[in-house]
Amino acid sequence: MLTNYWYIACSSEDLRRKPRAAEVLSHNLVLFRTRDGSPAALEDRCAHRGMPLAGGRVRDGSVECPYHGWCYDGSGAAVRIPSIPECQTGLPDASVPAYPCTEQDGYIWVCLGPDPVQEKPPAFAHLGDPGWTTFRMYNRFEAPVESCLENFLDCPHATVVHRHWFRTPTQREVRCRVQALDDGAVAEYFDEPRKKSLVWSLLTPSSGDMRHTDRFIAPSTSRVDYQFSDDKHYIVTSSCTAVNDKVTDVYTVITFRYKFWGPLVRLYFEPMSHRIIAQDVEALRQQHINLAKHEERGFRIIEQDVLLPHIRRWRRTLATGGQPGGRAEAYDVKIVI
């Protein structure tokens, strides 16, 4: 089931002294830090009267209910009930569900299943490595995870939604090679045009080889790589957390190698990236408002929607407890960009 994977619940910076509410896969959670600073995730409900624990406080490494002061440790066990006299031996067997929770790469990750498929959450490539510059973005999309993943890994929409910012139509035919992988799928583009847009003109060399790959990593991660022959390299990784079946929180890490100019490049690369992803947020918002008006209409999928079939196959197979097959033979698709 998809509940057995790791999902980002919030950034590390957003979980400090106070408990924090989070919604992941329609589960309402309370996050807090235990006595040693480790994160914990519990169902956001006091076992006594159902009060949201996120409205309370952290006391001696436990989360305290704001109604009667019941306290729960990181395992979900009630460790303090103020109304019970100290002379009474033991506490009632009261607890709330606890979920696997860990901290990695500056994020708090949770798994809603008892046995995560992965021992650790997936790592962000080159985050913190010498010679690499990084910035992060957070956005809430009014769209399901599948739509977000397709959007992040879809080249044709960029010539319309991001016209002049990221791409401009050139009417050039590009070859795309698609390969199924053991953990998803990857699409590689060949002889891609590099002109007529702000991103290409400011951030990429005008000559030399370029390797562009779009990769889907099951169940909810996208990774876009641009590598150049002069050793420049850009990686855009987005981890998608389903709030529910209609809303997705997207945590994006952009890591790039631009020689010693990296910090200076970030000054204009970061605001430009915020502008581009805001265009996607609005596009998907409009799409799903309209889809709600035409629920009986399905999606039309064409050959140039290169990674969407792989995204759907993986996510729907995993959701039913299955496991998609491994690598299949690569195939080529022609796309006009």
C-alpha atoms as a PDB file:
ATOM      1  CA  MET A   1       0.000   0.000   0.000  1.00  0.00           C
ATOM      2  CA  LEU A   2       1.119   3.599  -0.581  1.00  0.00           C
ATOM      3  CA  THR A   3       0.911   4.173   3.192  1.00  0.00           C
ATOM      4  CA  ASN A   4       4.091   2.124   3.602  1.00  0.00           C
ATOM      5  CA  TYR A   5       6.302   4.801   2.022  1.00  0.00           C
ATOM      6  CA  TRP A   6       7.958   7.871   3.541  1.00  0.00           C
ATOM      7  CA  TYR A   7       6.371  11.293   3.011  1.00  0.00           C
ATOM      8  CA  ILE A   8       7.478  14.772   4.058  1.00  0.00           C
ATOM      9  CA  ALA A   9       5.170  16.183   6.724  1.00  0.00           C
ATOM     10  CA  CYS A  10       6.970  19.517   7.195  1.00  0.00           C
ATOM     11  CA  SER A  11      10.411  21.082   7.160  1.00  0.00           C
ATOM     12  CA  SER A  12      12.730  20.697  10.141  1.00  0.00           C
ATOM     13  CA  GLU A  13      12.593  24.461  10.688  1.00  0.00           C
ATOM     14  CA  ASP A  14       8.814  24.300  11.088  1.00  0.00           C
ATOM     15  CA  LEU A  15       9.011  21.837  13.995  1.00  0.00           C
ATOM     16  CA  ARG A  16      10.541  23.538  16.989  1.00  0.00           C
ATOM     17  CA  ARG A  17       9.223  23.882  20.549  1.00  0.00           C
ATOM     18  CA  LYS A  18       5.520  23.694  19.801  1.00  0.00           C
ATOM     19  CA  PRO A  19       3.574  20.713  18.432  1.00  0.00           C
ATOM     20  CA  ARG A  20       2.513  21.005  14.815  1.00  0.00           C
ATOM     21  CA  ALA A  21      -0.535  19.676  12.987  1.00  0.00           C
ATOM     22  CA  ALA A  22      -0.037  17.895   9.678  1.00  0.00           C
ATOM     23  CA  GLU A  23      -2.319  16.057   7.265  1.00  0.00           C
ATOM     24  CA  VAL A  24      -0.823  13.207   5.252  1.00  0.00           C
ATOM     25  CA  LEU A  25      -2.903  10.861   3.092  1.00  0.00           C
ATOM     26  CA  SER A  26      -6.057  12.171   4.831  1.00  0.00           C
ATOM     27  CA  HIS A  27      -4.609  11.259   8.259  1.00  0.00           C
ATOM     28  CA  ASN A  28      -4.503  14.081  10.803  1.00  0.00           C
ATOM     29  CA  LEU A  29      -1.236  13.964  12.734  1.00  0.00           C
ATOM     30  CA  VAL A  30       0.474  15.876  15.490  1.00  0.00           C
ATOM     31  CA  LEU A  31       4.237  16.266  15.208  1.00  0.00           C
ATOM     32  CA  PHE A  32       6.495  17.166  18.114  1.00  0.00           C
ATOM     33  CA  ARG A  33      10.030  16.730  19.376  1.00  0.00           C
ATOM     34  CA  THR A  34      10.802  14.330  22.197  1.00  0.00           C
ATOM     35  CA  ARG A  35      13.230  14.975  25.043  1.00  0.00           C
ATOM     36  CA  ASP A  36      16.314  14.255  22.885  1.00  0.00           C
ATOM     37  CA  GLY A  37      15.055  16.393  19.999  1.00  0.00           C
ATOM     38  CA  SER A  38      13.924  13.495  17.803  1.00  0.00           C
ATOM     39  CA  PRO A  39      10.651  13.987  15.921  1.00  0.00           C
ATOM     40  CA  ALA A  40       7.538  11.958  16.743  1.00  0.00           C
ATOM     41  CA  ALA A  41       4.205  11.609  14.945  1.00  0.00           C
ATOM     42  CA  LEU A  42       0.930  10.631  16.613  1.00  0.00           C
ATOM     43  CA  GLU A  43      -2.706  10.643  15.598  1.00  0.00           C
ATOM     44  CA  ASP A  44      -3.905  14.150  16.419  1.00  0.00           C
ATOM     45  CA  ARG A  45      -6.506  13.026  18.931  1.00  0.00           C
ATOM     46  CA  CYS A  46      -6.458  12.735  22.694  1.00  0.00           C
ATOM     47  CA  ALA A  47      -7.715   9.308  23.822  1.00  0.00           C
ATOM     48  CA  HIS A  48      -9.688  10.980  26.634  1.00  0.00           C
ATOM     49  CA  ARG A  49     -12.077  13.377  24.875  1.00  0.00           C
ATOM     50  CA  GLY A  50     -10.784  13.537  21.319  1.00  0.00           C
ATOM     51  CA  MET A  51      -9.215  16.990  21.621  1.00  0.00           C
ATOM     52  CA  PRO A  52      -6.592  17.857  18.938  1.00  0.00           C
ATOM     53  CA  LEU A  53      -3.194  17.446  20.560  1.00  0.00           C
ATOM     54  CA  ALA A  54      -1.632  19.938  18.140  1.00  0.00           C
ATOM     55  CA  GLY A  55      -3.409  22.678  20.068  1.00  0.00           C
ATOM     56  CA  GLY A  56      -1.483  21.823  23.222  1.00  0.00           C
ATOM     57  CA  ARG A  57       2.164  22.149  24.148  1.00  0.00           C
ATOM     58  CA  VAL A  58       5.276  20.017  24.513  1.00  0.00           C
ATOM     59  CA  ARG A  59       6.082  19.201  28.144  1.00  0.00           C
ATOM     60  CA  ASP A  60       9.189  17.231  29.125  1.00  0.00           C
ATOM     61  CA  GLY A  61       9.389  15.674  25.663  1.00  0.00           C
ATOM     62  CA  SER A  62       5.705  14.678  25.577  1.00  0.00           C
ATOM     63  CA  VAL A  63       2.756  16.357  23.920  1.00  0.00           C
ATOM     64  CA  GLU A  64       0.149  17.708  26.354  1.00  0.00           C
ATOM     65  CA  CYS A  65      -3.561  17.841  25.536  1.00  0.00           C
ATOM     66  CA  PRO A  66      -4.978  21.388  25.865  1.00  0.00           C
ATOM     67  CA  TYR A  67      -8.203  20.120  27.482  1.00  0.00           C
ATOM     68  CA  HIS A  68      -7.339  17.988  30.536  1.00  0.00           C
ATOM     69  CA  GLY A  69      -3.543  17.942  30.294  1.00  0.00           C
ATOM     70  CA  TRP A  70      -3.073  14.284  29.369  1.00  0.00           C
ATOM     71  CA  CYS A  71       0.478  13.787  28.086  1.00  0.00           C
ATOM     72  CA  TYR A  72       1.661  11.316  25.442  1.00  0.00           C
ATOM     73  CA  ASP A  73       5.213  10.258  24.669  1.00  0.00           C
ATOM     74  CA  GLY A  74       6.661   9.486  21.237  1.00  0.00           C
ATOM     75  CA  SER A  75       5.207   5.961  21.286  1.00  0.00           C
ATOM     76  CA  GLY A  76       1.692   7.321  21.801  1.00  0.00           C
ATOM     77  CA  ALA A  77       1.408   6.055  25.399  1.00  0.00           C
ATOM     78  CA  ALA A  78      -0.243   8.252  28.025  1.00  0.00           C
ATOM     79  CA  VAL A  79       2.509   9.096  30.534  1.00  0.00           C
ATOM     80  CA  ARG A  80       0.718  11.713  32.637  1.00  0.00           C
ATOM     81  CA  ILE A  81      -2.919  12.241  33.645  1.00  0.00           C
ATOM     82  CA  PRO A  82      -3.117  15.228  36.046  1.00  0.00           C
ATOM     83  CA  SER A  83      -6.520  14.341  37.499  1.00  0.00           C
ATOM     84  CA  ILE A  84      -5.271  11.004  38.892  1.00  0.00           C
ATOM     85  CA  PRO A  85      -3.843  11.260  42.431  1.00  0.00           C
ATOM     86  CA  GLU A  86      -0.128  10.598  42.748  1.00  0.00           C
ATOM     87  CA  CYS A  87      -0.815   7.884  45.321  1.00  0.00           C
ATOM     88  CA  GLN A  88      -2.714   5.821  42.751  1.00  0.00           C
ATOM     89  CA  THR A  89      -0.528   3.104  41.266  1.00  0.00           C
ATOM     90  CA  GLY A  90      -0.250   3.069  37.460  1.00  0.00           C
ATOM     91  CA  LEU A  91      -2.219   4.812  34.757  1.00  0.00           C
ATOM     92  CA  PRO A  92      -5.121   3.547  32.651  1.00  0.00           C
ATOM     93  CA  ASP A  93      -4.135   1.757  29.470  1.00  0.00           C
ATOM     94  CA  ALA A  94      -4.618   4.792  27.224  1.00  0.00           C
ATOM     95  CA  SER A  95      -2.710   5.472  24.053  1.00  0.00           C
ATOM     96  CA  VAL A  96      -3.064   6.952  20.582  1.00  0.00           C
ATOM     97  CA  PRO A  97      -1.622   5.534  17.348  1.00  0.00           C
ATOM     98  CA  ALA A  98       2.013   6.436  16.658  1.00  0.00           C
ATOM     99  CA  TYR A  99       3.677   6.388  13.255  1.00  0.00           C
ATOM    100  CA  PRO A 100       7.276   5.906  12.097  1.00  0.00           C
ATOM    101  CA  CYS A 101       8.897   9.334  11.971  1.00  0.00           C
ATOM    102  CA  THR A 102      12.408  10.477  11.133  1.00  0.00           C
ATOM    103  CA  GLU A 103      14.390  13.582  10.213  1.00  0.00           C
ATOM    104  CA  GLN A 104      16.529  13.744   7.078  1.00  0.00           C
ATOM    105  CA  ASP A 105      17.781  16.410   4.664  1.00  0.00           C
ATOM    106  CA  GLY A 106      16.084  19.179   6.628  1.00  0.00           C
ATOM    107  CA  TYR A 107      12.628  17.571   6.578  1.00  0.00           C
ATOM    108  CA  ILE A 108      10.383  15.624   8.953  1.00  0.00           C
ATOM    109  CA  TRP A 109       9.252  12.396   7.264  1.00  0.00           C
ATOM    110  CA  VAL A 110       6.416  10.105   8.335  1.00  0.00           C
ATOM    111  CA  CYS A 111       5.190   6.704   7.238  1.00  0.00           C
ATOM    112  CA  LEU A 112       1.584   5.746   7.921  1.00  0.00           C
ATOM    113  CA  GLY A 113       2.271   2.020   7.737  1.00  0.00           C
ATOM    114  CA  PRO A 114       4.004   0.107  10.553  1.00  0.00           C
ATOM    115  CA  ASP A 115       6.749  -1.259   8.289  1.00  0.00           C
ATOM    116  CA  PRO A 116       8.171   1.261   5.784  1.00  0.00           C
ATOM    117  CA  VAL A 117       9.144  -0.260   2.445  1.00  0.00           C
ATOM    118  CA  GLN A 118      12.360   1.759   2.570  1.00  0.00           C
ATOM    119  CA  GLU A 119      14.601   1.782   5.628  1.00  0.00           C
ATOM    120  CA  LYS A 120      15.250   5.494   5.105  1.00  0.00           C
ATOM    121  CA  PRO A 121      13.483   8.186   3.094  1.00  0.00           C
ATOM    122  CA  PRO A 122      14.876   8.858  -0.400  1.00  0.00           C
ATOM    123  CA  ALA A 123      17.809  11.287  -0.303  1.00  0.00           C
ATOM    124  CA  PHE A 124      18.048  14.491  -2.344  1.00  0.00           C
ATOM    125  CA  ALA A 125      20.970  14.275  -4.774  1.00  0.00           C
ATOM    126  CA  HIS A 126      24.109  16.314  -3.911  1.00  0.00           C
ATOM    127  CA  LEU A 127      22.365  18.168  -1.100  1.00  0.00           C
ATOM    128  CA  GLY A 128      25.164  19.721   0.976  1.00  0.00           C
ATOM    129  CA  ASP A 129      27.956  18.414  -1.266  1.00  0.00           C
ATOM    130  CA  PRO A 130      30.994  20.699  -1.803  1.00  0.00           C
ATOM    131  CA  GLY A 131      30.731  22.759  -4.981  1.00  0.00           C
ATOM    132  CA  TRP A 132      26.924  22.516  -5.117  1.00  0.00           C
ATOM    133  CA  THR A 133      24.443  25.296  -4.334  1.00  0.00           C
ATOM    134  CA  THR A 134      20.952  24.530  -3.034  1.00  0.00           C
ATOM    135  CA  PHE A 135      17.668  26.265  -2.383  1.00  0.00           C
ATOM    136  CA  ARG A 136      14.279  24.885  -1.409  1.00  0.00           C
ATOM    137  CA  MET A 137      10.674  25.618  -2.286  1.00  0.00           C
ATOM    138  CA  TYR A 138       7.359  24.585  -0.771  1.00  0.00           C
ATOM    139  CA  ASN A 139       4.047  24.815  -2.621  1.00  0.00           C
ATOM    140  CA  ARG A 140       0.546  23.514  -2.032  1.00  0.00           C
ATOM    141  CA  PHE A 141      -1.166  22.301  -5.189  1.00  0.00           C
ATOM    142  CA  GLU A 142      -4.938  21.942  -5.453  1.00  0.00           C
ATOM    143  CA  ALA A 143      -4.432  18.745  -7.414  1.00  0.00           C
ATOM    144  CA  PRO A 144      -3.705  15.065  -6.675  1.00  0.00           C
ATOM    145  CA  VAL A 145      -0.173  13.656  -6.555  1.00  0.00           C
ATOM    146  CA  GLU A 146      -0.483  11.987  -9.964  1.00  0.00           C
ATOM    147  CA  SER A 147      -1.269  15.298 -11.672  1.00  0.00           C
ATOM    148  CA  CYS A 148       1.637  17.032  -9.944  1.00  0.00           C
ATOM    149  CA  LEU A 149       4.111  14.328 -10.961  1.00  0.00           C
ATOM    150  CA  GLU A 150       2.937  14.420 -14.557  1.00  0.00           C
ATOM    151  CA  ASN A 151       3.225  18.205 -14.635  1.00  0.00           C
ATOM    152  CA  PHE A 152       6.785  18.241 -13.288  1.00  0.00           C
ATOM    153  CA  LEU A 153       7.881  15.632 -15.861  1.00  0.00           C
ATOM    154  CA  ASP A 154       6.009  16.965 -18.883  1.00  0.00           C
ATOM    155  CA  CYS A 155       7.955  18.938 -21.506  1.00  0.00           C
ATOM    156  CA  PRO A 156       5.147  19.977 -23.910  1.00  0.00           C
ATOM    157  CA  HIS A 157       3.239  22.052 -21.353  1.00  0.00           C
ATOM    158  CA  ALA A 158       6.301  24.208 -20.697  1.00  0.00           C
ATOM    159  CA  THR A 159       6.118  25.801 -24.151  1.00  0.00           C
ATOM    160  CA  VAL A 160       2.644  27.114 -23.261  1.00  0.00           C
ATOM    161  CA  VAL A 161       2.469  27.630 -19.488  1.00  0.00           C
ATOM    162  CA  HIS A 162       6.088  28.835 -19.165  1.00  0.00           C
ATOM    163  CA  ARG A 163       6.423  30.507 -22.566  1.00  0.00           C
ATOM    164  CA  HIS A 164       9.457  32.812 -22.674  1.00  0.00           C
ATOM    165  CA  TRP A 165      10.322  31.896 -19.075  1.00  0.00           C
ATOM    166  CA  PHE A 166      11.447  28.293 -19.450  1.00  0.00           C
ATOM    167  CA  ARG A 167      10.617  27.350 -23.026  1.00  0.00           C
ATOM    168  CA  THR A 168       9.328  28.957 -26.182  1.00  0.00           C
ATOM    169  CA  PRO A 169       7.853  26.927 -29.067  1.00  0.00           C
ATOM    170  CA  THR A 170      10.460  26.211 -31.744  1.00  0.00           C
ATOM    171  CA  GLN A 171       8.460  23.583 -33.709  1.00  0.00           C
ATOM    172  CA  ARG A 172      11.520  21.387 -33.575  1.00  0.00           C
ATOM    173  CA  GLU A 173      11.147  17.623 -33.515  1.00  0.00           C
ATOM    174  CA  VAL A 174      12.985  16.033 -30.594  1.00  0.00           C
ATOM    175  CA  ARG A 175      13.670  12.373 -29.953  1.00  0.00           C
ATOM    176  CA  CYS A 176      12.794  11.098 -26.482  1.00  0.00           C
ATOM    177  CA  ARG A 177      13.904   7.685 -25.243  1.00  0.00           C
ATOM    178  CA  VAL A 178      11.728   6.185 -22.499  1.00  0.00           C
ATOM    179  CA  GLN A 179      12.992   3.440 -20.211  1.00  0.00           C
ATOM    180  CA  ALA A 180      11.136   1.623 -17.442  1.00  0.00           C
ATOM    181  CA  LEU A 181      13.245   1.213 -14.309  1.00  0.00           C
ATOM    182  CA  ASP A 182      13.153  -0.949 -11.205  1.00  0.00           C
ATOM    183  CA  ASP A 183      11.822   2.010  -9.222  1.00  0.00           C
ATOM    184  CA  GLY A 184       9.913   3.984 -11.859  1.00  0.00           C
ATOM    185  CA  ALA A 185      10.827   5.295 -15.305  1.00  0.00           C
ATOM    186  CA  VAL A 186      13.087   7.802 -17.054  1.00  0.00           C
ATOM    187  CA  ALA A 187      12.803   9.845 -20.251  1.00  0.00           C
ATOM    188  CA  GLU A 188      15.917  11.229 -21.994  1.00  0.00           C
ATOM    189  CA  TYR A 189      15.719  13.978 -24.633  1.00  0.00           C
ATOM    190  CA  PHE A 190      18.172  14.343 -27.520  1.00  0.00           C
ATOM    191  CA  ASP A 191      19.154  17.446 -29.556  1.00  0.00           C
ATOM    192  CA  GLU A 192      16.841  19.650 -27.532  1.00  0.00           C
ATOM    193  CA  PRO A 193      16.612  23.330 -28.591  1.00  0.00           C
ATOM    194  CA  ARG A 194      18.250  25.835 -26.240  1.00  0.00           C
ATOM    195  CA  LYS A 195      17.052  29.296 -27.115  1.00  0.00           C
ATOM    196  CA  LYS A 196      14.278  31.862 -26.873  1.00  0.00           C
ATOM    197  CA  SER A 197      13.686  31.649 -23.107  1.00  0.00           C
ATOM    198  CA  LEU A 198      14.931  33.440 -20.006  1.00  0.00           C
ATOM    199  CA  VAL A 199      16.164  30.291 -18.261  1.00  0.00           C
ATOM    200  CA  TRP A 200      18.173  29.021 -21.212  1.00  0.00           C
ATOM    201  CA  SER A 201      19.763  32.378 -21.954  1.00  0.00           C
ATOM    202  CA  LEU A 202      20.818  33.092 -18.344  1.00  0.00           C
ATOM    203  CA  LEU A 203      21.752  29.700 -16.937  1.00  0.00           C
ATOM    204  CA  THR A 204      23.026  27.444 -19.698  1.00  0.00           C
ATOM    205  CA  PRO A 205      26.023  27.513 -22.034  1.00  0.00           C
ATOM    206  CA  SER A 206      25.165  28.478 -25.601  1.00  0.00           C
ATOM    207  CA  SER A 207      27.230  25.616 -27.025  1.00  0.00           C
ATOM    208  CA  GLY A 208      28.446  22.175 -26.011  1.00  0.00           C
ATOM    209  CA  ASP A 209      26.589  18.999 -25.222  1.00  0.00           C
ATOM    210  CA  MET A 210      23.559  18.819 -22.937  1.00  0.00           C
ATOM    211  CA  ARG A 211      21.962  15.752 -21.358  1.00  0.00           C
ATOM    212  CA  HIS A 212      18.386  16.190 -20.127  1.00  0.00           C
ATOM    213  CA  THR A 213      16.550  13.427 -18.250  1.00  0.00           C
ATOM    214  CA  ASP A 214      13.168  13.409 -16.524  1.00  0.00           C
ATOM    215  CA  ARG A 215      12.759  10.652 -13.972  1.00  0.00           C
ATOM    216  CA  PHE A 216       9.789   9.341 -12.017  1.00  0.00           C
ATOM    217  CA  ILE A 217      10.761   7.607  -8.762  1.00  0.00           C
ATOM    218  CA  ALA A 218       7.888   5.623  -7.282  1.00  0.00           C
ATOM    219  CA  PRO A 219       5.684   6.376  -5.586  1.00  0.00           C
ATOM    220  CA  SER A 220       5.801  10.188  -5.397  1.00  0.00           C
ATOM    221  CA  THR A 221       9.091  11.785  -6.469  1.00  0.00           C
ATOM    222  CA  SER A 222      10.146  13.546  -9.661  1.00  0.00           C
ATOM    223  CA  ARG A 223      13.708  14.406 -10.639  1.00  0.00           C
ATOM    224  CA  VAL A 224      14.797  16.549 -13.576  1.00  0.00           C
ATOM    225  CA  ASP A 225      18.493  16.702 -14.547  1.00  0.00           C
ATOM    226  CA  TYR A 226      20.297  19.014 -16.950  1.00  0.00           C
ATOM    227  CA  GLN A 227      23.989  18.184 -17.402  1.00  0.00           C
ATOM    228  CA  PHE A 228      26.352  20.140 -19.640  1.00  0.00           C
ATOM    229  CA  SER A 229      29.733  19.368 -21.159  1.00  0.00           C
ATOM    230  CA  ASP A 230      31.349  22.286 -19.262  1.00  0.00           C
ATOM    231  CA  ASP A 231      30.520  20.511 -15.957  1.00  0.00           C
ATOM    232  CA  LYS A 232      27.457  22.603 -15.100  1.00  0.00           C
ATOM    233  CA  HIS A 233      24.638  20.518 -13.674  1.00  0.00           C
ATOM    234  CA  TYR A 234      21.105  21.368 -12.491  1.00  0.00           C
ATOM    235  CA  ILE A 235      18.885  18.964 -10.516  1.00  0.00           C
ATOM    236  CA  VAL A 236      15.255  19.703  -9.618  1.00  0.00           C
ATOM    237  CA  THR A 237      13.782  17.128  -7.225  1.00  0.00           C
ATOM    238  CA  SER A 238      10.195  17.344  -5.999  1.00  0.00           C
ATOM    239  CA  SER A 239       8.804  15.135  -3.243  1.00  0.00           C
ATOM    240  CA  CYS A 240       4.992  15.009  -3.271  1.00  0.00           C
ATOM    241  CA  THR A 241       2.960  14.453  -0.107  1.00  0.00           C
ATOM    242  CA  ALA A 242      -0.748  13.809  -0.588  1.00  0.00           C
ATOM    243  CA  VAL A 243      -2.678  15.864   1.946  1.00  0.00           C
ATOM    244  CA  ASN A 244      -5.771  14.111   0.633  1.00  0.00           C
ATOM    245  CA  ASP A 245      -6.973  12.931  -2.775  1.00  0.00           C
ATOM    246  CA  LYS A 246      -7.393  16.516  -4.026  1.00  0.00           C
ATOM    247  CA  VAL A 247      -4.517  18.463  -2.431  1.00  0.00           C
ATOM    248  CA  THR A 248      -0.750  17.869  -2.572  1.00  0.00           C
ATOM    249  CA  ASP A 249       2.110  19.465  -0.665  1.00  0.00           C
ATOM    250  CA  VAL A 250       5.228  19.651  -2.848  1.00  0.00           C
ATOM    251  CA  TYR A 251       8.693  20.040  -1.365  1.00  0.00           C
ATOM    252  CA  THR A 252      11.203  20.959  -4.070  1.00  0.00           C
ATOM    253  CA  VAL A 253      14.985  20.975  -3.732  1.00  0.00           C
ATOM    254  CA  ILE A 254      16.973  22.628  -6.518  1.00  0.00           C
ATOM    255  CA  THR A 255      20.670  21.764  -6.412  1.00  0.00           C
ATOM    256  CA  PHE A 256      23.127  22.971  -9.006  1.00  0.00           C
ATOM    257  CA  ARG A 257      26.826  23.092  -9.788  1.00  0.00           C
ATOM    258  CA  TYR A 258      27.928  26.317 -11.459  1.00  0.00           C
ATOM    259  CA  LYS A 259      31.609  26.494 -10.532  1.00  0.00           C
ATOM    260  CA  PHE A 260      32.352  29.286  -8.052  1.00  0.00           C
ATOM    261  CA  TRP A 261      29.467  31.419  -9.373  1.00  0.00           C
ATOM    262  CA  GLY A 262      26.817  29.265  -7.631  1.00  0.00           C
ATOM    263  CA  PRO A 263      25.797  31.696  -4.842  1.00  0.00           C
ATOM    264  CA  LEU A 264      25.593  34.575  -7.337  1.00  0.00           C
ATOM    265  CA  VAL A 265      23.540  32.511  -9.804  1.00  0.00           C
ATOM    266  CA  ARG A 266      21.125  31.686  -7.006  1.00  0.00           C
ATOM    267  CA  LEU A 267      20.226  35.382  -6.644  1.00  0.00           C
ATOM    268  CA  TYR A 268      18.242  35.285  -9.885  1.00  0.00           C
ATOM    269  CA  PHE A 269      17.708  31.522 -10.298  1.00  0.00           C
ATOM    270  CA  GLU A 270      15.677  31.222  -7.073  1.00  0.00           C
ATOM    271  CA  PRO A 271      13.090  33.989  -7.704  1.00  0.00           C
ATOM    272  CA  MET A 272      12.781  32.818 -11.309  1.00  0.00           C
ATOM    273  CA  SER A 273      12.066  29.268 -10.111  1.00  0.00           C
ATOM    274  CA  HIS A 274       9.390  30.549  -7.729  1.00  0.00           C
ATOM    275  CA  ARG A 275       7.746  32.370 -10.617  1.00  0.00           C
ATOM    276  CA  ILE A 276       7.776  29.285 -12.843  1.00  0.00           C
ATOM    277  CA  ILE A 277       6.350  26.917 -10.226  1.00  0.00           C
ATOM    278  CA  ALA A 278       3.659  29.467  -9.355  1.00  0.00           C
ATOM    279  CA  GLN A 279       2.522  29.179 -12.969  1.00  0.00           C
ATOM    280  CA  ASP A 280       2.183  25.409 -12.501  1.00  0.00           C
ATOM    281  CA  VAL A 281       0.254  25.870  -9.251  1.00  0.00           C
ATOM    282  CA  GLU A 282      -2.264  28.073 -11.045  1.00  0.00           C
ATOM    283  CA  ALA A 283      -2.482  25.832 -14.114  1.00  0.00           C
ATOM    284  CA  LEU A 284      -3.286  22.740 -12.044  1.00  0.00           C
ATOM    285  CA  ARG A 285      -5.748  24.692  -9.915  1.00  0.00           C
ATOM    286  CA  GLN A 286      -7.687  25.698 -13.010  1.00  0.00           C
ATOM    287  CA  GLN A 287      -7.452  22.186 -14.464  1.00  0.00           C
ATOM    288  CA  HIS A 288      -8.990  20.502 -11.447  1.00  0.00           C
ATOM    289  CA  ILE A 289     -11.683  23.118 -10.915  1.00  0.00           C
ATOM    290  CA  ASN A 290     -12.776  22.366 -14.460  1.00  0.00           C
ATOM    291  CA  LEU A 291     -12.428  18.601 -14.094  1.00  0.00           C
ATOM    292  CA  ALA A 292     -14.798  18.743 -11.120  1.00  0.00           C
ATOM    293  CA  LYS A 293     -17.431  20.208 -13.472  1.00  0.00           C
ATOM    294  CA  HIS A 294     -16.983  17.367 -15.959  1.00  0.00           C
ATOM    295  CA  GLU A 295     -16.470  14.314 -13.763  1.00  0.00           C
ATOM    296  CA  GLU A 296     -17.711  11.917 -16.414  1.00  0.00           C
ATOM    297  CA  ARG A 297     -14.925  12.940 -18.801  1.00  0.00           C
ATOM    298  CA  GLY A 298     -11.667  11.021 -18.725  1.00  0.00           C
ATOM    299  CA  PHE A 299      -8.145  12.033 -19.626  1.00  0.00           C
ATOM    300  CA  ARG A 300      -6.942  11.557 -23.158  1.00  0.00           C
ATOM    301  CA  ILE A 301      -3.426  10.124 -23.103  1.00  0.00           C
ATOM    302  CA  ILE A 302      -1.282  10.325 -26.225  1.00  0.00           C
ATOM    303  CA  GLU A 303       2.144   8.928 -27.055  1.00  0.00           C
ATOM    304  CA  GLN A 304       3.837  12.236 -26.228  1.00  0.00           C
ATOM    305  CA  ASP A 305       2.639  12.026 -22.604  1.00  0.00           C
ATOM    306  CA  VAL A 306       5.739   9.916 -22.145  1.00  0.00           C
ATOM    307  CA  LEU A 307       5.867   9.306 -18.381  1.00  0.00           C
ATOM    308  CA  LEU A 308       2.197   9.518 -17.395  1.00  0.00           C
ATOM    309  CA  PRO A 309       1.437   5.842 -18.224  1.00  0.00           C
ATOM    310  CA  HIS A 310       4.373   4.756 -16.065  1.00  0.00           C
ATOM    311  CA  ILE A 311       3.287   7.015 -13.190  1.00  0.00           C
ATOM    312  CA  ARG A 312      -0.247   5.623 -13.298  1.00  0.00           C
ATOM    313  CA  ARG A 313       0.839   2.000 -13.605  1.00  0.00           C
ATOM    314  CA  TRP A 314       3.250   2.218 -10.685  1.00  0.00           C
ATOM    315  CA  ARG A 315       0.993   4.116  -8.313  1.00  0.00           C
ATOM    316  CA  ARG A 316      -2.106   2.059  -9.012  1.00  0.00           C
ATOM    317  CA  THR A 317      -0.272  -1.240  -8.770  1.00  0.00           C
ATOM    318  CA  LEU A 318       1.393  -0.250  -5.498  1.00  0.00           C
ATOM    319  CA  ALA A 319      -1.929   0.990  -4.102  1.00  0.00           C
ATOM    320  CA  THR A 320      -3.419  -2.493  -4.528  1.00  0.00           C
ATOM    321  CA  GLY A 321      -0.451  -4.197  -2.917  1.00  0.00           C
ATOM    322  CA  GLY A 322       1.198  -5.314  -6.166  1.00  0.00           C
ATOM    323  CA  GLN A 323       4.651  -4.690  -7.535  1.00  0.00           C
ATOM    324  CA  PRO A 324       5.166  -3.495 -11.137  1.00  0.00           C
ATOM    325  CA  GLY A 325       7.597  -5.398 -13.298  1.00  0.00           C
ATOM    326  CA  GLY A 326      11.211  -4.339 -13.617  1.00  0.00           C
ATOM    327  CA  ARG A 327      13.006  -2.879 -16.610  1.00  0.00           C
ATOM    328  CA  ALA A 328      11.404  -3.248 -20.006  1.00  0.00           C
ATOM    329  CA  GLU A 329      12.883  -2.543 -23.426  1.00  0.00           C
ATOM    330  CA  ALA A 330      13.445   1.159 -24.077  1.00  0.00           C
ATOM    331  CA  TYR A 331      11.423   2.850 -26.805  1.00  0.00           C
ATOM    332  CA  ASP A 332      11.589   6.173 -28.692  1.00  0.00           C
ATOM    333  CA  VAL A 333       8.922   8.867 -29.012  1.00  0.00           C
ATOM    334  CA  LYS A 334       9.038  11.924 -31.271  1.00  0.00           C
ATOM    335  CA  ILE A 335       7.942  15.180 -29.618  1.00  0.00           C
ATOM    336  CA  VAL A 336       7.634  18.652 -31.128  1.00  0.00           C
ATOM    337  CA  ILE A 337       8.932  21.343 -28.763  1.00  0.00           C
END
